[in-house]
Amino acid sequence: MPFNIGRLIELQPFKLEEALKLAEGLEGKVSDPRAVLTEIWSWQVTAVSYSKTLSTCSRFKIYYSGGS
């Protein structure tokens, strides 16, 4: 669990409904923003590691922003 100055802060995972707000950032970049975000969100449910999810999302952002 994350901590702040020695005190435990309990964090809950995003609910799909909350995460879908982020789909707006994918509009015009992918054909189905909701489906892409739903797939990414499902990784937390299936216990894919945080670092792998972060790495994949970072690569996705670089690719769709025209970076290398």
PDB file of N, CA and C in Angstrom:
ATOM      1  N   MET A   1       0.836  -1.182   0.000  1.00  0.00           N
ATOM      2  CA  MET A   1       0.000   0.000   0.000  1.00  0.00           C
ATOM      3  C   MET A   1       0.888   1.255   0.000  1.00  0.00           C
ATOM      4  N   PRO A   2       0.464   2.277  -0.723  1.00  0.00           N
ATOM      5  CA  PRO A   2       1.223   3.541  -0.703  1.00  0.00           C
ATOM      6  C   PRO A   2       1.195   4.159   0.687  1.00  0.00           C
ATOM      7  N   PHE A   3       2.155   4.998   0.958  1.00  0.00           N
ATOM      8  CA  PHE A   3       2.188   5.654   2.254  1.00  0.00           C
ATOM      9  C   PHE A   3       2.602   7.102   2.077  1.00  0.00           C
ATOM     10  N   ASN A   4       2.309   7.904   3.067  1.00  0.00           N
ATOM     11  CA  ASN A   4       2.649   9.317   3.069  1.00  0.00           C
ATOM     12  C   ASN A   4       3.069   9.685   4.477  1.00  0.00           C
ATOM     13  N   ILE A   5       4.320  10.010   4.632  1.00  0.00           N
ATOM     14  CA  ILE A   5       4.863  10.420   5.930  1.00  0.00           C
ATOM     15  C   ILE A   5       4.527   9.397   7.008  1.00  0.00           C
ATOM     16  N   GLY A   6       4.710   8.149   6.671  1.00  0.00           N
ATOM     17  CA  GLY A   6       4.524   7.102   7.658  1.00  0.00           C
ATOM     18  C   GLY A   6       3.088   6.693   7.914  1.00  0.00           C
ATOM     19  N   ARG A   7       2.139   7.291   7.218  1.00  0.00           N
ATOM     20  CA  ARG A   7       0.740   6.903   7.416  1.00  0.00           C
ATOM     21  C   ARG A   7       0.240   6.174   6.175  1.00  0.00           C
ATOM     22  N   LEU A   8      -0.433   5.087   6.388  1.00  0.00           N
ATOM     23  CA  LEU A   8      -0.981   4.277   5.314  1.00  0.00           C
ATOM     24  C   LEU A   8      -2.135   5.014   4.635  1.00  0.00           C
ATOM     25  N   ILE A   9      -2.115   5.028   3.310  1.00  0.00           N
ATOM     26  CA  ILE A   9      -3.223   5.585   2.528  1.00  0.00           C
ATOM     27  C   ILE A   9      -3.789   4.440   1.695  1.00  0.00           C
ATOM     28  N   GLU A  10      -5.007   4.062   1.964  1.00  0.00           N
ATOM     29  CA  GLU A  10      -5.616   2.971   1.215  1.00  0.00           C
ATOM     30  C   GLU A  10      -6.229   3.523  -0.057  1.00  0.00           C
ATOM     31  N   LEU A  11      -5.849   2.934  -1.179  1.00  0.00           N
ATOM     32  CA  LEU A  11      -6.368   3.344  -2.477  1.00  0.00           C
ATOM     33  C   LEU A  11      -7.194   2.215  -3.070  1.00  0.00           C
ATOM     34  N   GLN A  12      -8.281   2.580  -3.677  1.00  0.00           N
ATOM     35  CA  GLN A  12      -9.140   1.608  -4.338  1.00  0.00           C
ATOM     36  C   GLN A  12      -8.894   1.688  -5.841  1.00  0.00           C
ATOM     37  N   PRO A  13      -9.013   0.593  -6.558  1.00  0.00           N
ATOM     38  CA  PRO A  13      -8.848   0.629  -8.015  1.00  0.00           C
ATOM     39  C   PRO A  13      -9.949   1.470  -8.663  1.00  0.00           C
ATOM     40  N   PHE A  14      -9.640   2.003  -9.844  1.00  0.00           N
ATOM     41  CA  PHE A  14     -10.665   2.701 -10.615  1.00  0.00           C
ATOM     42  C   PHE A  14     -11.818   1.756 -10.895  1.00  0.00           C
ATOM     43  N   LYS A  15     -13.003   2.291 -10.920  1.00  0.00           N
ATOM     44  CA  LYS A  15     -14.146   1.560 -11.452  1.00  0.00           C
ATOM     45  C   LYS A  15     -14.173   1.872 -12.944  1.00  0.00           C
ATOM     46  N   LEU A  16     -14.683   0.962 -13.737  1.00  0.00           N
ATOM     47  CA  LEU A  16     -14.718   1.154 -15.186  1.00  0.00           C
ATOM     48  C   LEU A  16     -15.416   2.461 -15.551  1.00  0.00           C
ATOM     49  N   GLU A  17     -16.505   2.768 -14.896  1.00  0.00           N
ATOM     50  CA  GLU A  17     -17.246   3.991 -15.200  1.00  0.00           C
ATOM     51  C   GLU A  17     -16.367   5.232 -14.994  1.00  0.00           C
ATOM     52  N   GLU A  18     -15.518   5.216 -13.985  1.00  0.00           N
ATOM     53  CA  GLU A  18     -14.605   6.337 -13.733  1.00  0.00           C
ATOM     54  C   GLU A  18     -13.516   6.405 -14.797  1.00  0.00           C
ATOM     55  N   ALA A  19     -12.996   5.259 -15.175  1.00  0.00           N
ATOM     56  CA  ALA A  19     -11.914   5.204 -16.158  1.00  0.00           C
ATOM     57  C   ALA A  19     -12.380   5.619 -17.547  1.00  0.00           C
ATOM     58  N   LEU A  20     -13.642   5.376 -17.875  1.00  0.00           N
ATOM     59  CA  LEU A  20     -14.133   5.687 -19.216  1.00  0.00           C
ATOM     60  C   LEU A  20     -14.078   7.176 -19.529  1.00  0.00           C
ATOM     61  N   LYS A  21     -14.006   8.016 -18.531  1.00  0.00           N
ATOM     62  CA  LYS A  21     -13.840   9.457 -18.763  1.00  0.00           C
ATOM     63  C   LYS A  21     -12.540   9.736 -19.509  1.00  0.00           C
ATOM     64  N   LEU A  22     -11.560   8.865 -19.341  1.00  0.00           N
ATOM     65  CA  LEU A  22     -10.261   9.033 -19.995  1.00  0.00           C
ATOM     66  C   LEU A  22     -10.313   8.705 -21.488  1.00  0.00           C
ATOM     67  N   ALA A  23     -11.382   8.057 -21.930  1.00  0.00           N
ATOM     68  CA  ALA A  23     -11.517   7.685 -23.350  1.00  0.00           C
ATOM     69  C   ALA A  23     -11.548   8.908 -24.250  1.00  0.00           C
ATOM     70  N   GLU A  24     -11.947  10.052 -23.720  1.00  0.00           N
ATOM     71  CA  GLU A  24     -11.967  11.280 -24.524  1.00  0.00           C
ATOM     72  C   GLU A  24     -10.601  11.569 -25.123  1.00  0.00           C
ATOM     73  N   GLY A  25      -9.549  11.260 -24.403  1.00  0.00           N
ATOM     74  CA  GLY A  25      -8.191  11.496 -24.882  1.00  0.00           C
ATOM     75  C   GLY A  25      -7.790  10.593 -26.041  1.00  0.00           C
ATOM     76  N   LEU A  26      -8.562   9.540 -26.282  1.00  0.00           N
ATOM     77  CA  LEU A  26      -8.259   8.609 -27.375  1.00  0.00           C
ATOM     78  C   LEU A  26      -9.074   8.901 -28.628  1.00  0.00           C
ATOM     79  N   GLU A  27     -10.042   9.811 -28.517  1.00  0.00           N
ATOM     80  CA  GLU A  27     -10.886  10.130 -29.667  1.00  0.00           C
ATOM     81  C   GLU A  27     -10.045  10.692 -30.801  1.00  0.00           C
ATOM     82  N   GLY A  28     -10.286  10.184 -31.998  1.00  0.00           N
ATOM     83  CA  GLY A  28      -9.534  10.606 -33.172  1.00  0.00           C
ATOM     84  C   GLY A  28      -8.194   9.897 -33.333  1.00  0.00           C
ATOM     85  N   LYS A  29      -7.824   9.081 -32.350  1.00  0.00           N
ATOM     86  CA  LYS A  29      -6.553   8.357 -32.396  1.00  0.00           C
ATOM     87  C   LYS A  29      -6.759   6.859 -32.625  1.00  0.00           C
ATOM     88  N   VAL A  30      -7.868   6.342 -32.128  1.00  0.00           N
ATOM     89  CA  VAL A  30      -8.217   4.933 -32.315  1.00  0.00           C
ATOM     90  C   VAL A  30      -9.673   4.863 -32.770  1.00  0.00           C
ATOM     91  N   SER A  31     -10.033   3.768 -33.417  1.00  0.00           N
ATOM     92  CA  SER A  31     -11.390   3.662 -33.958  1.00  0.00           C
ATOM     93  C   SER A  31     -12.454   3.490 -32.873  1.00  0.00           C
ATOM     94  N   ASP A  32     -12.098   2.896 -31.745  1.00  0.00           N
ATOM     95  CA  ASP A  32     -13.067   2.667 -30.678  1.00  0.00           C
ATOM     96  C   ASP A  32     -12.418   2.947 -29.314  1.00  0.00           C
ATOM     97  N   PRO A  33     -12.374   4.234 -28.918  1.00  0.00           N
ATOM     98  CA  PRO A  33     -11.723   4.600 -27.654  1.00  0.00           C
ATOM     99  C   PRO A  33     -12.257   3.846 -26.443  1.00  0.00           C
ATOM    100  N   ARG A  34     -13.558   3.633 -26.401  1.00  0.00           N
ATOM    101  CA  ARG A  34     -14.151   2.937 -25.253  1.00  0.00           C
ATOM    102  C   ARG A  34     -13.648   1.500 -25.154  1.00  0.00           C
ATOM    103  N   ALA A  35     -13.547   0.813 -26.293  1.00  0.00           N
ATOM    104  CA  ALA A  35     -13.069  -0.573 -26.292  1.00  0.00           C
ATOM    105  C   ALA A  35     -11.609  -0.651 -25.853  1.00  0.00           C
ATOM    106  N   VAL A  36     -10.787   0.276 -26.323  1.00  0.00           N
ATOM    107  CA  VAL A  36      -9.366   0.287 -25.940  1.00  0.00           C
ATOM    108  C   VAL A  36      -9.242   0.508 -24.439  1.00  0.00           C
ATOM    109  N   LEU A  37      -9.942   1.493 -23.923  1.00  0.00           N
ATOM    110  CA  LEU A  37      -9.847   1.783 -22.495  1.00  0.00           C
ATOM    111  C   LEU A  37     -10.436   0.653 -21.653  1.00  0.00           C
ATOM    112  N   THR A  38     -11.494   0.032 -22.128  1.00  0.00           N
ATOM    113  CA  THR A  38     -12.074  -1.107 -21.413  1.00  0.00           C
ATOM    114  C   THR A  38     -11.065  -2.246 -21.316  1.00  0.00           C
ATOM    115  N   GLU A  39     -10.335  -2.492 -22.403  1.00  0.00           N
ATOM    116  CA  GLU A  39      -9.312  -3.549 -22.392  1.00  0.00           C
ATOM    117  C   GLU A  39      -8.193  -3.205 -21.400  1.00  0.00           C
ATOM    118  N   ILE A  40      -7.708  -1.978 -21.443  1.00  0.00           N
ATOM    119  CA  ILE A  40      -6.652  -1.563 -20.506  1.00  0.00           C
ATOM    120  C   ILE A  40      -7.158  -1.695 -19.067  1.00  0.00           C
ATOM    121  N   TRP A  41      -8.373  -1.241 -18.809  1.00  0.00           N
ATOM    122  CA  TRP A  41      -8.936  -1.321 -17.463  1.00  0.00           C
ATOM    123  C   TRP A  41      -9.033  -2.769 -16.987  1.00  0.00           C
ATOM    124  N   SER A  42      -9.341  -3.683 -17.907  1.00  0.00           N
ATOM    125  CA  SER A  42      -9.505  -5.086 -17.508  1.00  0.00           C
ATOM    126  C   SER A  42      -8.204  -5.681 -16.974  1.00  0.00           C
ATOM    127  N   TRP A  43      -7.073  -5.101 -17.338  1.00  0.00           N
ATOM    128  CA  TRP A  43      -5.796  -5.624 -16.847  1.00  0.00           C
ATOM    129  C   TRP A  43      -5.705  -5.555 -15.343  1.00  0.00           C
ATOM    130  N   GLN A  44      -6.239  -4.513 -14.726  1.00  0.00           N
ATOM    131  CA  GLN A  44      -6.171  -4.432 -13.268  1.00  0.00           C
ATOM    132  C   GLN A  44      -7.019  -5.515 -12.632  1.00  0.00           C
ATOM    133  N   VAL A  45      -8.086  -5.899 -13.270  1.00  0.00           N
ATOM    134  CA  VAL A  45      -8.967  -6.947 -12.758  1.00  0.00           C
ATOM    135  C   VAL A  45      -8.293  -8.306 -12.868  1.00  0.00           C
ATOM    136  N   THR A  46      -7.493  -8.498 -13.923  1.00  0.00           N
ATOM    137  CA  THR A  46      -6.830  -9.784 -14.117  1.00  0.00           C
ATOM    138  C   THR A  46      -5.434  -9.804 -13.497  1.00  0.00           C
ATOM    139  N   ALA A  47      -5.106  -8.799 -12.715  1.00  0.00           N
ATOM    140  CA  ALA A  47      -3.862  -8.746 -11.943  1.00  0.00           C
ATOM    141  C   ALA A  47      -2.596  -8.654 -12.802  1.00  0.00           C
ATOM    142  N   VAL A  48      -2.696  -8.029 -13.975  1.00  0.00           N
ATOM    143  CA  VAL A  48      -1.481  -7.730 -14.728  1.00  0.00           C
ATOM    144  C   VAL A  48      -0.719  -6.697 -13.919  1.00  0.00           C
ATOM    145  N   SER A  49       0.588  -6.808 -13.886  1.00  0.00           N
ATOM    146  CA  SER A  49       1.368  -5.939 -13.014  1.00  0.00           C
ATOM    147  C   SER A  49       1.220  -4.468 -13.371  1.00  0.00           C
ATOM    148  N   TYR A  50       1.279  -3.638 -12.363  1.00  0.00           N
ATOM    149  CA  TYR A  50       1.184  -2.186 -12.533  1.00  0.00           C
ATOM    150  C   TYR A  50       2.247  -1.681 -13.486  1.00  0.00           C
ATOM    151  N   SER A  51       3.474  -2.156 -13.357  1.00  0.00           N
ATOM    152  CA  SER A  51       4.557  -1.656 -14.202  1.00  0.00           C
ATOM    153  C   SER A  51       4.327  -2.014 -15.668  1.00  0.00           C
ATOM    154  N   LYS A  52       3.776  -3.182 -15.937  1.00  0.00           N
ATOM    155  CA  LYS A  52       3.491  -3.564 -17.320  1.00  0.00           C
ATOM    156  C   LYS A  52       2.373  -2.696 -17.897  1.00  0.00           C
ATOM    157  N   THR A  53       1.350  -2.450 -17.115  1.00  0.00           N
ATOM    158  CA  THR A  53       0.262  -1.594 -17.561  1.00  0.00           C
ATOM    159  C   THR A  53       0.770  -0.186 -17.835  1.00  0.00           C
ATOM    160  N   LEU A  54       1.567   0.359 -16.936  1.00  0.00           N
ATOM    161  CA  LEU A  54       2.120   1.697 -17.104  1.00  0.00           C
ATOM    162  C   LEU A  54       3.009   1.769 -18.340  1.00  0.00           C
ATOM    163  N   SER A  55       3.851   0.767 -18.530  1.00  0.00           N
ATOM    164  CA  SER A  55       4.741   0.726 -19.680  1.00  0.00           C
ATOM    165  C   SER A  55       3.950   0.679 -20.985  1.00  0.00           C
ATOM    166  N   THR A  56       2.933  -0.160 -21.040  1.00  0.00           N
ATOM    167  CA  THR A  56       2.114  -0.273 -22.243  1.00  0.00           C
ATOM    168  C   THR A  56       1.383   1.025 -22.528  1.00  0.00           C
ATOM    169  N   CYS A  57       0.818   1.644 -21.505  1.00  0.00           N
ATOM    170  CA  CYS A  57       0.105   2.909 -21.699  1.00  0.00           C
ATOM    171  C   CYS A  57       1.064   4.017 -22.127  1.00  0.00           C
ATOM    172  N   SER A  58       2.264   4.025 -21.604  1.00  0.00           N
ATOM    173  CA  SER A  58       3.264   5.022 -22.000  1.00  0.00           C
ATOM    174  C   SER A  58       3.643   4.853 -23.460  1.00  0.00           C
ATOM    175  N   ARG A  59       3.844   3.621 -23.895  1.00  0.00           N
ATOM    176  CA  ARG A  59       4.164   3.358 -25.305  1.00  0.00           C
ATOM    177  C   ARG A  59       2.995   3.740 -26.208  1.00  0.00           C
ATOM    178  N   PHE A  60       1.804   3.454 -25.751  1.00  0.00           N
ATOM    179  CA  PHE A  60       0.603   3.810 -26.490  1.00  0.00           C
ATOM    180  C   PHE A  60       0.539   5.323 -26.684  1.00  0.00           C
ATOM    181  N   LYS A  61       0.805   6.058 -25.612  1.00  0.00           N
ATOM    182  CA  LYS A  61       0.772   7.524 -25.674  1.00  0.00           C
ATOM    183  C   LYS A  61       1.829   8.046 -26.647  1.00  0.00           C
ATOM    184  N   ILE A  62       3.036   7.528 -26.573  1.00  0.00           N
ATOM    185  CA  ILE A  62       4.123   7.958 -27.461  1.00  0.00           C
ATOM    186  C   ILE A  62       3.748   7.668 -28.919  1.00  0.00           C
ATOM    187  N   TYR A  63       3.252   6.475 -29.188  1.00  0.00           N
ATOM    188  CA  TYR A  63       2.905   6.084 -30.541  1.00  0.00           C
ATOM    189  C   TYR A  63       1.827   7.004 -31.127  1.00  0.00           C
ATOM    190  N   TYR A  64       0.781   7.235 -30.355  1.00  0.00           N
ATOM    191  CA  TYR A  64      -0.340   8.013 -30.869  1.00  0.00           C
ATOM    192  C   TYR A  64      -0.129   9.526 -30.789  1.00  0.00           C
ATOM    193  N   SER A  65       0.948   9.962 -30.150  1.00  0.00           N
ATOM    194  CA  SER A  65       1.253  11.394 -30.159  1.00  0.00           C
ATOM    195  C   SER A  65       2.285  11.726 -31.220  1.00  0.00           C
ATOM    196  N   GLY A  66       2.696  10.707 -31.990  1.00  0.00           N
ATOM    197  CA  GLY A  66       3.643  10.925 -33.090  1.00  0.00           C
ATOM    198  C   GLY A  66       5.096  10.819 -32.681  1.00  0.00           C
ATOM    199  N   GLY A  67       5.349  10.399 -31.454  1.00  0.00           N
ATOM    200  CA  GLY A  67       6.730  10.230 -30.990  1.00  0.00           C
ATOM    201  C   GLY A  67       7.302   8.916 -31.458  1.00  0.00           C
ATOM    202  N   SER A  68       8.489   8.616 -30.969  1.00  0.00           N
ATOM    203  CA  SER A  68       9.115   7.339 -31.355  1.00  0.00           C
ATOM    204  C   SER A  68       9.360   6.479 -30.135  1.00  0.00           C
TER     205      SER A  68
END
